[in-house]
């Protein structure tokens, strides 16, 4: 096998979380008499936290800033339990087990917060699979800034050419490519992602096994 490590994104790669988050935003907006702009809504997928709250705030009934929008959302869903287990992408556990058997080092580089990543991995029963877990909240700028991937490569102690990133969103792909990584993108036609910079397209994340076998 040519690659020594795989760096996974989380949302849209390990869990199909975007549709759930979008529906939460739709419900919140409609409950408060706001008009939902579906074009803007789909643009939320893959956006950084700052961009996301700004775009949702633009659909609010009053002129508010992203921080106030975030506060309203957190208050509304304070007791909400995200269905991580129900949104795991097909074939993830067998893929992870196979990669470990092949002695491939696994890393996770997600724009989500450390707590969200921790909760998701616990629900998916994937704790202990990753050599390192890196949150985009550790850095001043989120994807497409390549800093999260450059930091992950530094922790792994491997050059980019010996690793592969698995992404789905436009910004995620751009960040990985800017860090010098080859990228396998999980195809998703729901959110108008530009995946043209990816080196390979996967129908689903689990298809990474076949890609690596024949690479």
N, C-alpha and C. Protein backbone atom coordinates (compact mmCIF):
# COMPACT_ATOMS: atom_id res chain seq x y z
N UNK A 1 0.83 -1.19 0.00
CA UNK A 1 0.00 0.00 0.00
C UNK A 1 0.88 1.25 0.00
N UNK A 2 0.55 2.20 -0.90
CA UNK A 2 1.40 3.37 -1.07
C UNK A 2 1.22 4.41 0.03
N UNK A 3 0.05 4.46 0.64
CA UNK A 3 -0.22 5.48 1.65
C UNK A 3 -0.03 4.91 3.06
N UNK A 4 0.62 5.69 3.91
CA UNK A 4 0.85 5.26 5.29
C UNK A 4 -0.21 5.78 6.25
N UNK A 5 -0.95 6.82 5.83
CA UNK A 5 -1.95 7.40 6.72
C UNK A 5 -3.14 7.92 5.93
N UNK A 6 -4.30 7.88 6.57
CA UNK A 6 -5.52 8.45 6.00
C UNK A 6 -6.03 9.51 6.98
N UNK A 7 -6.30 10.70 6.47
CA UNK A 7 -6.83 11.78 7.29
C UNK A 7 -8.29 12.00 6.88
N UNK A 8 -9.19 11.70 7.80
CA UNK A 8 -10.62 11.81 7.52
C UNK A 8 -11.19 13.14 7.99
N UNK A 9 -12.06 13.72 7.17
CA UNK A 9 -12.98 14.73 7.64
C UNK A 9 -14.09 13.96 8.38
N UNK A 10 -14.98 14.64 9.09
CA UNK A 10 -16.03 13.92 9.80
C UNK A 10 -17.41 14.10 9.17
N UNK A 11 -17.92 15.34 9.16
CA UNK A 11 -19.26 15.58 8.64
C UNK A 11 -19.31 15.35 7.14
N UNK A 12 -20.21 14.46 6.73
CA UNK A 12 -20.33 14.12 5.32
C UNK A 12 -19.41 13.01 4.88
N UNK A 13 -18.50 12.60 5.75
CA UNK A 13 -17.55 11.53 5.43
C UNK A 13 -17.75 10.33 6.35
N UNK A 14 -17.77 10.58 7.65
CA UNK A 14 -18.05 9.52 8.63
C UNK A 14 -19.51 9.50 9.04
N UNK A 15 -20.11 10.68 9.13
CA UNK A 15 -21.53 10.78 9.46
C UNK A 15 -22.21 11.70 8.44
N UNK A 16 -23.43 11.33 8.07
CA UNK A 16 -24.20 12.13 7.12
C UNK A 16 -25.00 13.16 7.92
N UNK A 17 -24.29 14.13 8.43
CA UNK A 17 -24.86 15.07 9.40
C UNK A 17 -25.51 16.30 8.78
N UNK A 18 -25.06 16.73 7.60
CA UNK A 18 -25.53 17.98 7.04
C UNK A 18 -27.05 18.08 6.91
N UNK A 19 -27.74 17.04 6.39
CA UNK A 19 -29.21 17.15 6.27
C UNK A 19 -29.90 17.37 7.61
N UNK A 20 -29.37 16.76 8.67
CA UNK A 20 -29.97 16.93 9.99
C UNK A 20 -29.81 18.37 10.47
N UNK A 21 -28.60 18.90 10.35
CA UNK A 21 -28.36 20.28 10.76
C UNK A 21 -29.21 21.26 9.97
N UNK A 22 -29.33 21.03 8.67
CA UNK A 22 -30.12 21.94 7.84
C UNK A 22 -31.58 21.94 8.26
N UNK A 23 -32.10 20.77 8.62
CA UNK A 23 -33.50 20.69 9.05
C UNK A 23 -33.70 21.40 10.38
N UNK A 24 -32.72 21.32 11.26
CA UNK A 24 -32.80 22.05 12.53
C UNK A 24 -32.89 23.56 12.27
N UNK A 25 -32.09 24.05 11.34
CA UNK A 25 -32.14 25.46 11.00
C UNK A 25 -33.47 25.83 10.37
N UNK A 26 -33.97 24.99 9.47
CA UNK A 26 -35.27 25.26 8.84
C UNK A 26 -36.36 25.38 9.90
N UNK A 27 -36.38 24.42 10.82
CA UNK A 27 -37.41 24.41 11.85
C UNK A 27 -37.34 25.68 12.71
N UNK A 28 -36.13 26.06 13.09
CA UNK A 28 -35.95 27.24 13.93
C UNK A 28 -36.43 28.50 13.21
N UNK A 29 -36.06 28.64 11.95
CA UNK A 29 -36.45 29.81 11.18
C UNK A 29 -37.97 29.87 11.00
N UNK A 30 -38.58 28.75 10.63
CA UNK A 30 -40.02 28.74 10.39
C UNK A 30 -40.82 28.96 11.67
N UNK A 31 -40.32 28.42 12.78
CA UNK A 31 -40.99 28.63 14.07
C UNK A 31 -41.06 30.10 14.44
N UNK A 32 -40.11 30.86 13.93
CA UNK A 32 -40.01 32.28 14.26
C UNK A 32 -40.45 33.19 13.12
N UNK A 33 -41.20 32.63 12.18
CA UNK A 33 -41.78 33.43 11.12
C UNK A 33 -40.81 33.94 10.08
N UNK A 34 -39.71 33.24 9.92
CA UNK A 34 -38.69 33.66 8.94
C UNK A 34 -38.87 32.90 7.63
N UNK A 35 -38.45 33.51 6.55
CA UNK A 35 -38.49 32.87 5.23
C UNK A 35 -37.21 32.08 5.02
N UNK A 36 -37.35 30.82 4.65
CA UNK A 36 -36.19 29.96 4.43
C UNK A 36 -35.75 30.06 2.97
N UNK A 37 -34.53 30.49 2.77
CA UNK A 37 -33.93 30.59 1.44
C UNK A 37 -33.16 29.29 1.20
N UNK A 38 -33.73 28.39 0.40
CA UNK A 38 -33.13 27.07 0.22
C UNK A 38 -31.77 27.13 -0.44
N UNK A 39 -31.57 28.06 -1.35
CA UNK A 39 -30.27 28.19 -2.00
C UNK A 39 -29.20 28.55 -0.96
N UNK A 40 -29.54 29.49 -0.11
CA UNK A 40 -28.62 29.88 0.96
C UNK A 40 -28.48 28.75 1.98
N UNK A 41 -29.56 28.02 2.21
CA UNK A 41 -29.53 26.92 3.16
C UNK A 41 -28.54 25.85 2.74
N UNK A 42 -28.58 25.45 1.47
CA UNK A 42 -27.66 24.41 1.00
C UNK A 42 -26.21 24.88 1.01
N UNK A 43 -26.02 26.19 0.93
CA UNK A 43 -24.66 26.73 0.98
C UNK A 43 -24.05 26.58 2.37
N UNK A 44 -24.87 26.30 3.38
CA UNK A 44 -24.37 26.12 4.74
C UNK A 44 -23.50 24.88 4.86
N UNK A 45 -23.80 23.85 4.07
CA UNK A 45 -23.05 22.60 4.14
C UNK A 45 -21.59 22.85 3.77
N UNK A 46 -20.72 22.49 4.67
CA UNK A 46 -19.29 22.66 4.42
C UNK A 46 -18.75 24.03 4.81
N UNK A 47 -19.63 24.95 5.24
CA UNK A 47 -19.18 26.28 5.62
C UNK A 47 -18.53 26.24 7.01
N UNK A 48 -17.69 27.20 7.28
CA UNK A 48 -17.10 27.31 8.62
C UNK A 48 -18.18 27.79 9.58
N UNK A 49 -17.90 27.68 10.88
CA UNK A 49 -18.87 28.11 11.87
C UNK A 49 -19.25 29.57 11.72
N UNK A 50 -18.26 30.42 11.53
CA UNK A 50 -18.50 31.85 11.37
C UNK A 50 -19.38 32.13 10.15
N UNK A 51 -19.05 31.49 9.03
CA UNK A 51 -19.84 31.68 7.81
C UNK A 51 -21.27 31.17 8.01
N UNK A 52 -21.39 30.03 8.67
CA UNK A 52 -22.70 29.42 8.87
C UNK A 52 -23.63 30.33 9.66
N UNK A 53 -23.15 30.85 10.81
CA UNK A 53 -24.01 31.69 11.64
C UNK A 53 -24.34 33.00 10.92
N UNK A 54 -23.41 33.50 10.13
CA UNK A 54 -23.68 34.73 9.39
C UNK A 54 -24.78 34.51 8.34
N UNK A 55 -24.72 33.38 7.64
CA UNK A 55 -25.72 33.11 6.59
C UNK A 55 -27.10 32.85 7.17
N UNK A 56 -27.15 32.14 8.31
CA UNK A 56 -28.44 31.90 8.96
C UNK A 56 -29.02 33.21 9.48
N UNK A 57 -28.16 34.07 10.05
CA UNK A 57 -28.61 35.37 10.56
C UNK A 57 -29.22 36.22 9.46
N UNK A 58 -28.73 36.04 8.22
CA UNK A 58 -29.25 36.81 7.10
C UNK A 58 -30.68 36.42 6.75
N UNK A 59 -31.11 35.24 7.21
CA UNK A 59 -32.48 34.79 6.97
C UNK A 59 -33.40 35.10 8.16
N UNK A 60 -32.85 35.66 9.23
CA UNK A 60 -33.65 35.96 10.42
C UNK A 60 -34.59 37.13 10.16
N UNK A 61 -35.67 37.20 10.90
CA UNK A 61 -36.70 38.22 10.68
C UNK A 61 -36.25 39.62 11.07
N UNK A 62 -35.22 39.69 11.90
CA UNK A 62 -34.68 40.97 12.34
C UNK A 62 -33.20 41.04 11.98
N UNK A 63 -32.66 42.24 12.04
CA UNK A 63 -31.24 42.44 11.74
C UNK A 63 -30.42 42.05 12.96
N UNK A 64 -29.81 40.87 12.93
CA UNK A 64 -28.98 40.41 14.04
C UNK A 64 -27.63 39.93 13.52
N UNK A 65 -26.67 39.84 14.41
CA UNK A 65 -25.35 39.37 14.03
C UNK A 65 -25.20 37.87 14.22
N UNK A 66 -24.11 37.31 13.74
CA UNK A 66 -23.90 35.85 13.85
C UNK A 66 -23.84 35.34 15.29
N UNK A 67 -23.29 36.11 16.20
CA UNK A 67 -23.21 35.65 17.59
C UNK A 67 -24.59 35.57 18.24
N UNK A 68 -25.45 36.54 17.93
CA UNK A 68 -26.82 36.49 18.45
C UNK A 68 -27.58 35.32 17.85
N UNK A 69 -27.33 35.04 16.56
CA UNK A 69 -27.97 33.90 15.90
C UNK A 69 -27.53 32.59 16.56
N UNK A 70 -26.28 32.52 16.86
CA UNK A 70 -25.74 31.33 17.53
C UNK A 70 -26.39 31.15 18.90
N UNK A 71 -26.56 32.25 19.64
CA UNK A 71 -27.18 32.18 20.96
C UNK A 71 -28.62 31.69 20.88
N UNK A 72 -29.36 32.19 19.89
CA UNK A 72 -30.76 31.78 19.70
C UNK A 72 -30.85 30.28 19.39
N UNK A 73 -29.95 29.83 18.52
CA UNK A 73 -29.92 28.41 18.14
C UNK A 73 -29.59 27.53 19.36
N UNK A 74 -28.56 27.91 20.10
CA UNK A 74 -28.13 27.12 21.25
C UNK A 74 -29.23 27.06 22.31
N UNK A 75 -29.94 28.15 22.48
CA UNK A 75 -31.02 28.19 23.46
C UNK A 75 -32.17 27.29 23.02
N UNK A 76 -32.50 27.34 21.74
CA UNK A 76 -33.61 26.51 21.21
C UNK A 76 -33.30 25.03 21.31
N UNK A 77 -32.07 24.65 21.04
CA UNK A 77 -31.73 23.22 21.00
C UNK A 77 -30.83 22.79 22.16
N UNK A 78 -31.00 23.45 23.29
CA UNK A 78 -30.16 23.16 24.46
C UNK A 78 -30.24 21.71 24.90
N UNK A 79 -31.41 21.10 24.76
CA UNK A 79 -31.60 19.71 25.21
C UNK A 79 -31.60 18.70 24.06
N UNK A 80 -31.25 19.17 22.86
CA UNK A 80 -31.30 18.28 21.69
C UNK A 80 -30.13 17.31 21.68
N UNK A 81 -30.43 16.06 21.41
CA UNK A 81 -29.41 15.03 21.29
C UNK A 81 -29.24 14.65 19.82
N UNK A 82 -28.10 14.97 19.26
CA UNK A 82 -27.89 14.70 17.84
C UNK A 82 -27.84 13.18 17.60
N UNK A 83 -28.54 12.70 16.55
CA UNK A 83 -28.58 11.25 16.28
C UNK A 83 -27.34 10.73 15.56
N UNK A 84 -26.19 10.82 16.21
CA UNK A 84 -24.95 10.40 15.56
C UNK A 84 -25.00 8.95 15.09
N UNK A 85 -25.46 8.08 15.96
CA UNK A 85 -25.48 6.65 15.64
C UNK A 85 -26.32 6.36 14.39
N UNK A 86 -27.43 7.09 14.26
CA UNK A 86 -28.33 6.87 13.13
C UNK A 86 -27.82 7.47 11.83
N UNK A 87 -26.82 8.34 11.91
CA UNK A 87 -26.34 9.02 10.70
C UNK A 87 -24.96 8.54 10.26
N UNK A 88 -24.46 7.47 10.86
CA UNK A 88 -23.16 6.93 10.44
C UNK A 88 -23.24 6.49 8.98
N UNK A 89 -22.26 6.88 8.19
CA UNK A 89 -22.23 6.49 6.78
C UNK A 89 -22.02 4.98 6.66
N UNK A 90 -22.60 4.36 5.63
CA UNK A 90 -22.52 2.90 5.48
C UNK A 90 -21.08 2.39 5.38
N UNK A 91 -20.82 1.28 6.07
CA UNK A 91 -19.53 0.59 5.93
C UNK A 91 -18.36 1.22 6.64
N UNK A 92 -18.59 2.18 7.54
CA UNK A 92 -17.48 2.87 8.19
C UNK A 92 -16.69 1.95 9.11
N UNK A 93 -17.37 1.21 9.97
CA UNK A 93 -16.65 0.35 10.91
C UNK A 93 -15.80 -0.71 10.19
N UNK A 94 -16.34 -1.44 9.20
CA UNK A 94 -15.49 -2.39 8.47
C UNK A 94 -14.29 -1.73 7.80
N UNK A 95 -14.48 -0.52 7.27
CA UNK A 95 -13.38 0.20 6.64
C UNK A 95 -12.30 0.51 7.66
N UNK A 96 -12.70 1.01 8.82
CA UNK A 96 -11.73 1.34 9.86
C UNK A 96 -10.97 0.11 10.33
N UNK A 97 -11.68 -0.99 10.50
CA UNK A 97 -11.03 -2.23 10.94
C UNK A 97 -10.03 -2.71 9.89
N UNK A 98 -10.39 -2.59 8.63
CA UNK A 98 -9.48 -3.03 7.56
C UNK A 98 -8.23 -2.16 7.52
N UNK A 99 -8.41 -0.85 7.65
CA UNK A 99 -7.27 0.06 7.64
C UNK A 99 -6.32 -0.24 8.80
N UNK A 100 -6.87 -0.53 9.96
CA UNK A 100 -6.04 -0.87 11.11
C UNK A 100 -5.27 -2.17 10.86
N UNK A 101 -5.95 -3.13 10.23
CA UNK A 101 -5.29 -4.40 9.90
C UNK A 101 -4.13 -4.18 8.94
N UNK A 102 -4.27 -3.19 8.07
CA UNK A 102 -3.22 -2.87 7.11
C UNK A 102 -2.14 -1.97 7.71
N UNK A 103 -2.29 -1.68 8.99
CA UNK A 103 -1.36 -0.81 9.72
C UNK A 103 -1.28 0.59 9.13
N UNK A 104 -2.41 1.05 8.61
CA UNK A 104 -2.51 2.42 8.13
C UNK A 104 -2.86 3.30 9.32
N UNK A 105 -2.15 4.40 9.49
CA UNK A 105 -2.40 5.32 10.59
C UNK A 105 -3.63 6.17 10.25
N UNK A 106 -4.52 6.34 11.22
CA UNK A 106 -5.75 7.09 10.99
C UNK A 106 -5.72 8.40 11.76
N UNK A 107 -6.17 9.47 11.10
CA UNK A 107 -6.27 10.78 11.73
C UNK A 107 -7.61 11.38 11.37
N UNK A 108 -8.07 12.29 12.21
CA UNK A 108 -9.34 12.98 11.97
C UNK A 108 -9.08 14.48 12.03
N UNK A 109 -9.48 15.19 10.97
CA UNK A 109 -9.31 16.64 10.90
C UNK A 109 -10.65 17.26 10.53
N UNK A 110 -11.37 17.70 11.54
CA UNK A 110 -12.74 18.20 11.35
C UNK A 110 -12.86 19.64 11.81
N UNK A 111 -13.70 20.40 11.13
CA UNK A 111 -13.96 21.78 11.54
C UNK A 111 -14.83 21.85 12.79
N UNK A 112 -15.44 20.74 13.17
CA UNK A 112 -16.29 20.71 14.36
C UNK A 112 -15.48 20.90 15.63
N UNK A 113 -16.17 21.24 16.71
CA UNK A 113 -15.50 21.43 17.99
C UNK A 113 -15.03 20.10 18.55
N UNK A 114 -14.10 20.16 19.50
CA UNK A 114 -13.58 18.94 20.11
C UNK A 114 -14.68 18.15 20.81
N UNK A 115 -15.61 18.85 21.45
CA UNK A 115 -16.69 18.16 22.16
C UNK A 115 -17.61 17.44 21.19
N UNK A 116 -17.94 18.09 20.07
CA UNK A 116 -18.81 17.46 19.07
C UNK A 116 -18.12 16.23 18.49
N UNK A 117 -16.83 16.35 18.19
CA UNK A 117 -16.08 15.21 17.66
C UNK A 117 -16.08 14.06 18.68
N UNK A 118 -15.82 14.40 19.92
CA UNK A 118 -15.79 13.38 20.99
C UNK A 118 -17.14 12.68 21.11
N UNK A 119 -18.22 13.46 21.10
CA UNK A 119 -19.56 12.88 21.22
C UNK A 119 -19.88 11.98 20.03
N UNK A 120 -19.50 12.44 18.84
CA UNK A 120 -19.78 11.67 17.63
C UNK A 120 -19.02 10.35 17.62
N UNK A 121 -17.74 10.38 17.95
CA UNK A 121 -16.93 9.15 17.94
C UNK A 121 -17.42 8.16 19.00
N UNK A 122 -17.84 8.68 20.13
CA UNK A 122 -18.37 7.80 21.18
C UNK A 122 -19.64 7.11 20.70
N UNK A 123 -20.55 7.88 20.09
CA UNK A 123 -21.79 7.31 19.59
C UNK A 123 -21.55 6.30 18.47
N UNK A 124 -20.54 6.56 17.64
CA UNK A 124 -20.21 5.66 16.53
C UNK A 124 -19.35 4.48 16.97
N UNK A 125 -18.93 4.50 18.25
CA UNK A 125 -18.04 3.47 18.80
C UNK A 125 -16.73 3.40 18.01
N UNK A 126 -16.19 4.59 17.73
CA UNK A 126 -14.92 4.69 17.01
C UNK A 126 -13.83 5.31 17.88
N UNK A 127 -14.06 5.39 19.17
CA UNK A 127 -13.03 5.89 20.06
C UNK A 127 -11.82 4.96 20.03
N UNK A 128 -10.65 5.53 19.99
CA UNK A 128 -9.43 4.74 20.00
C UNK A 128 -8.93 4.33 18.63
N UNK A 129 -9.67 4.66 17.59
CA UNK A 129 -9.24 4.29 16.24
C UNK A 129 -8.23 5.27 15.66
N UNK A 130 -8.23 6.51 16.17
CA UNK A 130 -7.44 7.56 15.53
C UNK A 130 -6.18 7.88 16.31
N UNK A 131 -5.08 7.96 15.58
CA UNK A 131 -3.80 8.34 16.18
C UNK A 131 -3.85 9.78 16.68
N UNK A 132 -4.53 10.63 15.92
CA UNK A 132 -4.70 12.02 16.36
C UNK A 132 -6.04 12.55 15.87
N UNK A 133 -6.61 13.45 16.67
CA UNK A 133 -7.88 14.09 16.37
C UNK A 133 -7.66 15.60 16.45
N UNK A 134 -7.94 16.29 15.35
CA UNK A 134 -7.67 17.73 15.28
C UNK A 134 -8.96 18.47 14.96
N UNK A 135 -9.28 19.46 15.80
CA UNK A 135 -10.47 20.28 15.60
C UNK A 135 -10.09 21.61 14.96
N UNK A 136 -10.93 22.05 14.03
CA UNK A 136 -10.70 23.33 13.38
C UNK A 136 -10.80 24.50 14.34
N UNK A 137 -11.43 24.28 15.50
CA UNK A 137 -11.56 25.35 16.50
C UNK A 137 -10.21 25.70 17.12
N UNK A 138 -9.18 24.87 16.87
CA UNK A 138 -7.85 25.13 17.41
C UNK A 138 -7.14 26.25 16.66
N UNK A 139 -7.70 26.64 15.50
CA UNK A 139 -6.99 27.57 14.63
C UNK A 139 -7.80 28.85 14.40
N UNK A 140 -7.12 29.89 13.99
CA UNK A 140 -7.77 31.17 13.77
C UNK A 140 -8.73 31.11 12.58
N UNK A 141 -8.37 30.34 11.57
CA UNK A 141 -9.21 30.23 10.38
C UNK A 141 -9.53 28.77 10.12
N UNK A 142 -10.75 28.51 9.70
CA UNK A 142 -11.17 27.16 9.38
C UNK A 142 -10.88 26.86 7.91
N UNK A 143 -11.24 25.67 7.45
CA UNK A 143 -11.10 25.33 6.04
C UNK A 143 -11.85 26.38 5.22
N UNK A 144 -11.33 26.86 4.10
CA UNK A 144 -10.28 26.27 3.24
C UNK A 144 -8.84 26.59 3.62
N UNK A 145 -8.63 27.30 4.72
CA UNK A 145 -7.26 27.49 5.19
C UNK A 145 -6.64 26.11 5.45
N UNK A 146 -5.46 25.83 4.94
CA UNK A 146 -4.87 24.49 5.06
C UNK A 146 -4.24 24.20 6.42
N UNK A 147 -4.31 25.16 7.35
CA UNK A 147 -3.60 25.01 8.62
C UNK A 147 -3.97 23.73 9.36
N UNK A 148 -5.25 23.36 9.35
CA UNK A 148 -5.67 22.16 10.06
C UNK A 148 -4.98 20.91 9.51
N UNK A 149 -4.79 20.87 8.20
CA UNK A 149 -4.13 19.71 7.58
C UNK A 149 -2.61 19.77 7.78
N UNK A 150 -2.05 20.95 7.71
CA UNK A 150 -0.61 21.08 7.94
C UNK A 150 -0.26 20.67 9.37
N UNK A 151 -1.12 21.06 10.31
CA UNK A 151 -0.91 20.67 11.70
C UNK A 151 -1.04 19.15 11.86
N UNK A 152 -2.03 18.57 11.22
CA UNK A 152 -2.24 17.12 11.32
C UNK A 152 -1.04 16.36 10.76
N UNK A 153 -0.52 16.81 9.64
CA UNK A 153 0.67 16.18 9.06
C UNK A 153 1.86 16.29 10.01
N UNK A 154 1.98 17.43 10.67
CA UNK A 154 3.07 17.62 11.63
C UNK A 154 2.95 16.63 12.79
N UNK A 155 1.73 16.44 13.30
CA UNK A 155 1.51 15.49 14.39
C UNK A 155 1.80 14.06 13.94
N UNK A 156 1.39 13.73 12.73
CA UNK A 156 1.64 12.40 12.19
C UNK A 156 3.12 12.17 11.93
N UNK A 157 3.86 13.25 11.64
CA UNK A 157 5.27 13.12 11.32
C UNK A 157 5.51 12.50 9.97
N UNK A 158 4.56 12.74 9.06
CA UNK A 158 4.64 12.16 7.72
C UNK A 158 4.53 13.25 6.66
N UNK A 159 5.19 13.07 5.51
CA UNK A 159 5.02 14.03 4.41
C UNK A 159 3.66 13.84 3.76
N UNK A 160 3.17 14.89 3.13
CA UNK A 160 1.84 14.84 2.51
C UNK A 160 1.72 13.72 1.48
N UNK A 161 2.80 13.42 0.76
CA UNK A 161 2.74 12.42 -0.30
C UNK A 161 2.47 11.02 0.23
N UNK A 162 2.70 10.79 1.52
CA UNK A 162 2.47 9.47 2.10
C UNK A 162 1.10 9.36 2.78
N UNK A 163 0.29 10.41 2.61
CA UNK A 163 -1.04 10.44 3.24
C UNK A 163 -2.11 10.74 2.19
N UNK A 164 -3.34 10.44 2.54
CA UNK A 164 -4.48 10.78 1.68
C UNK A 164 -5.57 11.36 2.57
N UNK A 165 -6.23 12.39 2.09
CA UNK A 165 -7.34 13.01 2.82
C UNK A 165 -8.66 12.56 2.21
N UNK A 166 -9.65 12.35 3.06
CA UNK A 166 -10.99 11.99 2.61
C UNK A 166 -11.92 13.13 2.99
N UNK A 167 -12.49 13.79 2.01
CA UNK A 167 -13.29 14.98 2.21
C UNK A 167 -14.59 14.91 1.40
N UNK A 168 -15.41 15.92 1.55
CA UNK A 168 -16.60 16.02 0.71
C UNK A 168 -16.87 17.45 0.25
N UNK A 169 -16.66 18.43 1.12
CA UNK A 169 -17.04 19.80 0.79
C UNK A 169 -15.98 20.53 -0.03
N UNK A 170 -16.41 21.60 -0.67
CA UNK A 170 -15.51 22.43 -1.47
C UNK A 170 -14.35 22.94 -0.62
N UNK A 171 -14.67 23.52 0.54
CA UNK A 171 -13.63 24.09 1.41
C UNK A 171 -12.69 23.02 1.95
N UNK A 172 -13.24 21.87 2.29
CA UNK A 172 -12.40 20.79 2.80
C UNK A 172 -11.40 20.30 1.78
N UNK A 173 -11.87 20.14 0.56
CA UNK A 173 -11.00 19.70 -0.54
C UNK A 173 -9.92 20.75 -0.79
N UNK A 174 -10.31 22.01 -0.83
CA UNK A 174 -9.34 23.09 -1.06
C UNK A 174 -8.28 23.13 0.02
N UNK A 175 -8.69 22.92 1.28
CA UNK A 175 -7.74 22.95 2.39
C UNK A 175 -6.73 21.81 2.28
N UNK A 176 -7.22 20.61 1.97
CA UNK A 176 -6.33 19.46 1.86
C UNK A 176 -5.37 19.61 0.69
N UNK A 177 -5.86 20.08 -0.44
CA UNK A 177 -5.00 20.26 -1.61
C UNK A 177 -3.94 21.33 -1.34
N UNK A 178 -4.32 22.40 -0.65
CA UNK A 178 -3.36 23.46 -0.34
C UNK A 178 -2.27 22.98 0.60
N UNK A 179 -2.57 21.91 1.36
CA UNK A 179 -1.57 21.32 2.25
C UNK A 179 -0.71 20.29 1.53
N UNK A 180 -0.95 20.11 0.23
CA UNK A 180 -0.14 19.19 -0.56
C UNK A 180 -0.64 17.76 -0.57
N UNK A 181 -1.86 17.52 -0.07
CA UNK A 181 -2.40 16.17 0.01
C UNK A 181 -3.17 15.78 -1.25
N UNK A 182 -3.15 14.50 -1.55
CA UNK A 182 -4.09 13.96 -2.52
C UNK A 182 -5.41 13.74 -1.79
N UNK A 183 -6.51 13.92 -2.53
CA UNK A 183 -7.82 13.90 -1.90
C UNK A 183 -8.77 12.93 -2.59
N UNK A 184 -9.42 12.10 -1.78
CA UNK A 184 -10.53 11.28 -2.26
C UNK A 184 -11.80 11.93 -1.74
N UNK A 185 -12.66 12.37 -2.64
CA UNK A 185 -13.88 13.08 -2.24
C UNK A 185 -15.08 12.14 -2.33
N UNK A 186 -15.89 12.17 -1.28
CA UNK A 186 -17.13 11.39 -1.27
C UNK A 186 -18.18 12.19 -2.05
N UNK A 187 -18.66 11.64 -3.15
CA UNK A 187 -19.59 12.35 -4.02
C UNK A 187 -20.88 12.70 -3.27
N UNK A 188 -21.32 13.93 -3.45
CA UNK A 188 -22.58 14.39 -2.85
C UNK A 188 -23.15 15.47 -3.74
N UNK A 189 -24.27 15.16 -4.39
CA UNK A 189 -24.87 16.10 -5.34
C UNK A 189 -25.94 16.97 -4.69
N UNK A 190 -26.14 16.83 -3.38
CA UNK A 190 -27.22 17.56 -2.71
C UNK A 190 -26.89 19.02 -2.44
N UNK A 191 -25.59 19.34 -2.30
CA UNK A 191 -25.22 20.65 -1.79
C UNK A 191 -24.39 21.49 -2.75
N UNK A 192 -24.32 21.11 -4.00
CA UNK A 192 -23.59 21.88 -5.01
C UNK A 192 -22.12 22.07 -4.65
N UNK A 193 -21.52 21.06 -4.04
CA UNK A 193 -20.10 21.11 -3.76
C UNK A 193 -19.31 21.11 -5.05
N UNK A 194 -18.23 21.87 -5.09
CA UNK A 194 -17.29 21.81 -6.21
C UNK A 194 -16.20 20.82 -5.81
N UNK A 195 -16.24 19.64 -6.38
CA UNK A 195 -15.29 18.59 -6.05
C UNK A 195 -14.27 18.37 -7.16
N UNK A 196 -14.15 19.36 -8.04
CA UNK A 196 -13.30 19.22 -9.22
C UNK A 196 -11.82 19.12 -8.88
N UNK A 197 -11.40 19.63 -7.71
CA UNK A 197 -9.99 19.57 -7.35
C UNK A 197 -9.58 18.22 -6.76
N UNK A 198 -10.56 17.38 -6.45
CA UNK A 198 -10.25 16.08 -5.85
C UNK A 198 -9.53 15.18 -6.85
N UNK A 199 -8.65 14.33 -6.33
CA UNK A 199 -7.92 13.40 -7.18
C UNK A 199 -8.77 12.19 -7.55
N UNK A 200 -9.65 11.79 -6.63
CA UNK A 200 -10.56 10.67 -6.88
C UNK A 200 -11.92 10.99 -6.29
N UNK A 201 -12.96 10.41 -6.89
CA UNK A 201 -14.32 10.53 -6.37
C UNK A 201 -14.79 9.16 -5.91
N UNK A 202 -15.36 9.11 -4.72
CA UNK A 202 -15.88 7.87 -4.16
C UNK A 202 -17.40 7.95 -4.10
N UNK A 203 -18.07 6.86 -4.45
CA UNK A 203 -19.53 6.83 -4.32
C UNK A 203 -19.94 6.87 -2.86
N UNK A 204 -19.11 6.27 -2.01
CA UNK A 204 -19.32 6.31 -0.56
C UNK A 204 -17.97 6.16 0.11
N UNK A 205 -17.88 6.55 1.35
CA UNK A 205 -16.60 6.54 2.05
C UNK A 205 -15.98 5.14 2.08
N UNK A 206 -16.81 4.12 2.25
CA UNK A 206 -16.31 2.75 2.35
C UNK A 206 -15.57 2.29 1.10
N UNK A 207 -15.80 2.98 -0.03
CA UNK A 207 -15.11 2.62 -1.27
C UNK A 207 -13.64 2.99 -1.25
N UNK A 208 -13.21 3.65 -0.19
CA UNK A 208 -11.79 3.98 -0.05
C UNK A 208 -10.93 2.72 -0.04
N UNK A 209 -11.46 1.65 0.51
CA UNK A 209 -10.71 0.38 0.57
C UNK A 209 -10.28 -0.05 -0.83
N UNK A 210 -11.21 -0.07 -1.76
CA UNK A 210 -10.89 -0.50 -3.12
C UNK A 210 -9.90 0.44 -3.77
N UNK A 211 -10.04 1.74 -3.51
CA UNK A 211 -9.10 2.71 -4.07
C UNK A 211 -7.69 2.44 -3.58
N UNK A 212 -7.52 2.20 -2.28
CA UNK A 212 -6.21 1.99 -1.72
C UNK A 212 -5.59 0.67 -2.17
N UNK A 213 -6.42 -0.34 -2.34
CA UNK A 213 -5.92 -1.64 -2.79
C UNK A 213 -5.29 -1.55 -4.18
N UNK A 214 -5.93 -0.79 -5.06
CA UNK A 214 -5.47 -0.72 -6.45
C UNK A 214 -4.66 0.54 -6.75
N UNK A 215 -4.33 1.31 -5.73
CA UNK A 215 -3.54 2.52 -5.94
C UNK A 215 -2.12 2.19 -6.37
